[in-house]
C-alpha cells in the first residue's frame, strides 16, 4: 500500500494510537507506541505486563489498507532476556494482545477511513 491510501498523517495516527490503546489494554499493562521508520504504514507496539512475570512483547502493526491491519509478534522478553515464544502462556498472552491491537484499529477506523 502506498502512503496516499491512509487518509491520516502518521503523526496524527500515532497520537491516536498512543491515547486509545492504553484504554483497551489491561489497566496494569504499560504500552509504548512508536512509528516504524522503515515503513510509514506501520507502528511498533511495546507492551510490558504487570506483575512478577515481567514480560515484554513487541508487535508490529501494519496497515494493509485503511480498514485492515496486520499484526505480527516481533519479540518476547522476560526480565530483559529473550524467551521461547512457543510457550503456551506466552502464546495465550500474545493472542490476547493481538486481539486488543485489532480492537484499537477498529476503534480508530473512523479516523483512518475516509
Protein backbone atom coordinates (compact mmCIF):
# COMPACT_ATOMS: atom_id res chain seq x y z
CA UNK A 1 0.00 0.00 0.00
CA UNK A 2 1.33 3.46 -0.74
CA UNK A 3 1.24 6.29 1.76
CA UNK A 4 -1.63 8.02 -0.08
CA UNK A 5 -4.04 5.23 0.90
CA UNK A 6 -4.20 6.33 4.54
CA UNK A 7 -6.27 9.46 4.97
CA UNK A 8 -4.41 10.49 8.12
CA UNK A 9 -0.79 11.52 8.53
CA UNK A 10 1.48 9.23 10.52
CA UNK A 11 1.99 11.65 13.44
CA UNK A 12 -1.77 12.05 13.93
CA UNK A 13 -2.22 8.30 13.62
CA UNK A 14 0.49 7.75 16.23
CA UNK A 15 -1.12 10.21 18.66
CA UNK A 16 -4.48 8.46 18.31
CA UNK A 17 -2.92 5.05 18.92
CA UNK A 18 -0.99 6.37 21.93
CA UNK A 19 -4.16 7.71 23.52
CA UNK A 20 -6.51 4.84 22.58
CA UNK A 21 -4.53 1.61 23.03
CA UNK A 22 -3.88 2.09 26.77
CA UNK A 23 -7.65 2.35 27.32
CA UNK A 24 -8.18 -1.04 25.62
CA UNK A 25 -5.36 -2.95 27.33
CA UNK A 26 -5.46 -4.16 30.92
CA UNK A 27 -5.08 -1.17 33.22
CA UNK A 28 -1.97 -2.71 34.81
CA UNK A 29 -0.12 -3.15 31.49
CA UNK A 30 2.01 -0.36 30.09
CA UNK A 31 2.34 0.36 26.40
CA UNK A 32 4.57 2.43 24.14
CA UNK A 33 3.53 3.04 20.54
CA UNK A 34 6.02 4.46 18.05
CA UNK A 35 6.31 4.98 14.31
CA UNK A 36 8.14 2.35 12.32
CA UNK A 37 10.68 4.46 10.45
CA UNK A 38 11.27 1.69 7.91
CA UNK A 39 7.56 1.56 6.95
CA UNK A 40 5.32 4.64 7.06
CA UNK A 41 2.23 2.39 7.25
CA UNK A 42 3.40 0.57 10.37
CA UNK A 43 3.53 1.17 14.09
CA UNK A 44 5.74 -0.54 16.65
CA UNK A 45 3.97 -1.50 19.86
CA UNK A 46 5.87 -2.39 23.03
CA UNK A 47 3.73 -3.84 25.85
CA UNK A 48 5.01 -4.55 29.36
CA UNK A 49 2.91 -6.81 31.54
CA UNK A 50 2.32 -6.06 35.16
CA UNK A 51 3.24 -8.47 37.92
CA UNK A 52 6.15 -10.72 38.75
CA UNK A 53 6.46 -12.32 35.29
CA UNK A 54 7.88 -9.07 33.82
CA UNK A 55 7.14 -9.99 30.20
CA UNK A 56 7.57 -7.50 27.38
CA UNK A 57 6.03 -8.01 23.96
CA UNK A 58 6.99 -6.22 20.76
CA UNK A 59 4.48 -6.14 17.92
CA UNK A 60 4.40 -4.50 14.51
CA UNK A 61 1.01 -3.27 13.37
CA UNK A 62 0.95 -2.59 9.64
CA UNK A 63 -1.94 -1.02 7.77
CA UNK A 64 -2.64 -3.28 4.79
CA UNK A 65 -5.20 -0.65 3.77
CA UNK A 66 -7.25 1.97 5.58
CA UNK A 67 -9.54 -0.71 7.04
CA UNK A 68 -7.26 -3.68 7.74
CA UNK A 69 -4.18 -4.11 9.90
CA UNK A 70 -1.74 -6.99 10.03
CA UNK A 71 -0.25 -7.59 13.46
CA UNK A 72 2.93 -9.58 13.92
CA UNK A 73 4.74 -10.57 17.08
CA UNK A 74 8.36 -9.47 16.81
CA UNK A 75 9.86 -10.41 20.17
CA UNK A 76 9.04 -11.51 23.72
CA UNK A 77 11.35 -10.98 26.66
CA UNK A 78 11.25 -11.74 30.36
CA UNK A 79 13.47 -9.66 32.64
CA UNK A 80 15.16 -8.23 29.51
CA UNK A 81 16.09 -11.68 28.18
CA UNK A 82 14.65 -13.28 25.05
CA UNK A 83 12.41 -16.25 25.81
CA UNK A 84 10.70 -19.04 23.86
CA UNK A 85 7.64 -17.59 22.16
CA UNK A 86 6.08 -21.05 21.73
CA UNK A 87 5.34 -21.39 25.45
CA UNK A 88 1.56 -21.79 25.97
CA UNK A 89 1.36 -18.90 28.45
CA UNK A 90 3.23 -16.61 26.04
CA UNK A 91 1.05 -17.69 23.11
CA UNK A 92 -2.12 -17.01 25.09
CA UNK A 93 -0.90 -13.57 26.18
CA UNK A 94 0.28 -12.71 22.65
CA UNK A 95 -3.07 -13.75 21.12
CA UNK A 96 -4.88 -11.59 23.68
CA UNK A 97 -2.69 -8.59 22.85
CA UNK A 98 -3.21 -9.13 19.12
CA UNK A 99 -6.99 -9.04 19.71
CA UNK A 100 -6.60 -5.79 21.68
CA UNK A 101 -4.46 -4.26 18.91
CA UNK A 102 -7.11 -5.19 16.32
CA UNK A 103 -9.77 -3.73 18.61
CA UNK A 104 -7.82 -0.47 18.79
CA UNK A 105 -7.50 -0.36 14.99
CA UNK A 106 -11.25 -0.90 14.72
CA UNK A 107 -11.89 1.86 17.26
CA UNK A 108 -9.73 4.21 15.18
CA UNK A 109 -11.40 3.18 11.91
CA UNK A 110 -13.34 6.45 11.78
CA UNK A 111 -10.11 8.45 11.54
CA UNK A 112 -8.25 6.13 9.13
CA UNK A 113 -11.11 5.56 6.70
CA UNK A 114 -12.39 8.47 4.64
